[in-house]
């Protein structure tokens, strides 16, 4: 019984690859596009951080420059309260009394209390 042999010239090559058309751009183009978008995003993020730092620096310096005005306002209020307290003391006691045995000025402490207390 004769054995089956390949045909003369051999078999046709087996096509194991699919030859489909390439869709879209090459992967390198996508990589470049994503890198460009990320670079732009990081650049804008850095600009935002710098702007926030500048705004906080401006806020700090504005507060520093307002300190003398706020201190003067507090001093005016303190003098007004001290004079009112001395006038009320003189009206109630008839004479001005000294709390301390020396003439050194002691900054009074005033606590703001509500006029009507609710429980």
Protein backbone atom coordinates (compact mmCIF):
# COMPACT_ATOMS: atom_id res chain seq x y z
CA UNK A 1 0.00 0.00 0.00
CA UNK A 2 1.58 3.23 -1.07
CA UNK A 3 2.04 5.94 1.57
CA UNK A 4 0.51 9.37 1.03
CA UNK A 5 3.23 11.81 0.16
CA UNK A 6 3.15 15.59 -0.18
CA UNK A 7 2.39 16.86 -3.61
CA UNK A 8 5.26 17.72 -5.89
CA UNK A 9 6.58 21.19 -5.01
CA UNK A 10 5.18 21.00 -1.43
CA UNK A 11 2.10 22.36 0.22
CA UNK A 12 1.11 26.00 0.08
CA UNK A 13 2.34 28.07 3.01
CA UNK A 14 -0.20 28.28 5.84
CA UNK A 15 -1.40 31.83 6.47
CA UNK A 16 -1.24 32.25 10.23
CA UNK A 17 -1.18 36.05 10.30
CA UNK A 18 -4.22 38.20 9.82
CA UNK A 19 -3.66 41.07 7.49
CA UNK A 20 -6.13 43.60 8.83
CA UNK A 21 -5.83 47.29 8.04
CA UNK A 22 -4.27 49.37 10.82
CA UNK A 23 -6.83 51.65 12.49
CA UNK A 24 -5.93 54.95 14.17
CA UNK A 25 -2.59 56.58 14.67
CA UNK A 26 0.64 54.94 15.55
CA UNK A 27 1.10 54.37 19.32
CA UNK A 28 3.99 56.84 19.40
CA UNK A 29 1.62 59.63 18.35
CA UNK A 30 -0.76 58.80 21.21
CA UNK A 31 2.17 58.79 23.63
CA UNK A 32 3.33 62.21 22.39
CA UNK A 33 -0.22 63.61 22.65
CA UNK A 34 -0.70 62.34 26.22
CA UNK A 35 2.73 63.67 27.24
CA UNK A 36 1.85 67.08 25.74
CA UNK A 37 -1.48 67.23 27.56
CA UNK A 38 0.13 66.23 30.86
CA UNK A 39 2.91 68.78 30.43
CA UNK A 40 0.36 71.52 29.80
CA UNK A 41 -1.65 70.41 32.87
CA UNK A 42 1.38 70.40 35.15
CA UNK A 43 2.41 73.83 33.83
CA UNK A 44 -1.04 75.27 34.59
CA UNK A 45 -1.04 73.57 38.00
CA UNK A 46 2.32 75.20 38.78
CA UNK A 47 0.94 78.58 37.71
CA UNK A 48 -2.02 78.11 40.06
CA UNK A 49 0.27 77.23 42.97
CA UNK A 50 2.40 80.32 42.31
CA UNK A 51 -0.71 82.51 42.15
CA UNK A 52 -1.99 81.10 45.45
CA UNK A 53 1.38 81.76 47.07
CA UNK A 54 1.36 85.34 45.78
CA UNK A 55 -2.18 85.91 47.07
CA UNK A 56 -1.30 84.53 50.50
CA UNK A 57 1.85 86.69 50.59
CA UNK A 58 -0.24 89.76 49.67
CA UNK A 59 -2.79 88.89 52.36
CA UNK A 60 -0.02 88.52 54.96
CA UNK A 61 1.57 91.87 54.06
CA UNK A 62 -1.80 93.64 54.09
CA UNK A 63 -2.39 92.31 57.61
CA UNK A 64 1.11 93.39 58.66
CA UNK A 65 0.43 96.91 57.38
CA UNK A 66 -2.95 97.02 59.15
CA UNK A 67 -1.51 96.15 62.58
CA UNK A 68 -0.74 99.80 63.57
CA UNK A 69 -4.26 100.90 62.64
CA UNK A 70 -5.83 98.04 64.60
CA UNK A 71 -3.55 98.73 67.58
CA UNK A 72 -4.49 102.43 67.55
CA UNK A 73 -8.17 101.51 67.46
CA UNK A 74 -7.70 99.13 70.39
CA UNK A 75 -5.81 101.82 72.35
CA UNK A 76 -8.58 104.37 71.74
CA UNK A 77 -11.15 101.86 72.97
CA UNK A 78 -9.02 101.07 76.03
CA UNK A 79 -8.66 104.78 76.94
CA UNK A 80 -12.40 105.32 76.49
CA UNK A 81 -13.24 102.34 78.71
CA UNK A 82 -10.68 103.38 81.36
CA UNK A 83 -12.00 106.93 81.54
CA UNK A 84 -15.60 105.67 81.68
CA UNK A 85 -14.67 103.23 84.46
CA UNK A 86 -12.96 105.98 86.48
CA UNK A 87 -15.96 108.30 86.01
CA UNK A 88 -18.37 105.57 87.12
CA UNK A 89 -16.15 104.78 90.12
CA UNK A 90 -16.03 108.45 91.13
CA UNK A 91 -19.80 108.73 90.75
CA UNK A 92 -20.47 105.63 92.84
CA UNK A 93 -17.80 106.05 95.53
CA UNK A 94 -17.53 109.83 95.57
CA UNK A 95 -13.74 109.70 95.41
CA UNK A 96 -11.13 108.13 93.20
CA UNK A 97 -9.47 105.12 94.81
CA UNK A 98 -6.25 103.41 93.86
CA UNK A 99 -6.15 99.70 93.34
CA UNK A 100 -2.37 99.38 93.55
CA UNK A 101 0.14 101.04 95.89
CA UNK A 102 2.18 102.50 93.05
CA UNK A 103 1.50 104.66 90.00
CA UNK A 104 2.50 102.03 87.48
CA UNK A 105 -0.08 101.62 84.70
CA UNK A 106 -1.59 98.16 84.52
CA UNK A 107 -3.46 97.36 81.37
CA UNK A 108 -7.04 96.56 82.39
CA UNK A 109 -8.80 93.50 81.08
CA UNK A 110 -12.32 93.91 79.89
CA UNK A 111 -14.58 90.99 79.16
CA UNK A 112 -17.47 91.52 76.80
CA UNK A 113 -20.59 90.07 78.34
CA UNK A 114 -24.05 89.90 76.77
CA UNK A 115 -26.70 92.23 78.16
CA UNK A 116 -29.33 89.49 78.64
CA UNK A 117 -28.20 86.02 79.65
CA UNK A 118 -30.40 83.13 78.61
CA UNK A 119 -30.13 79.65 80.05
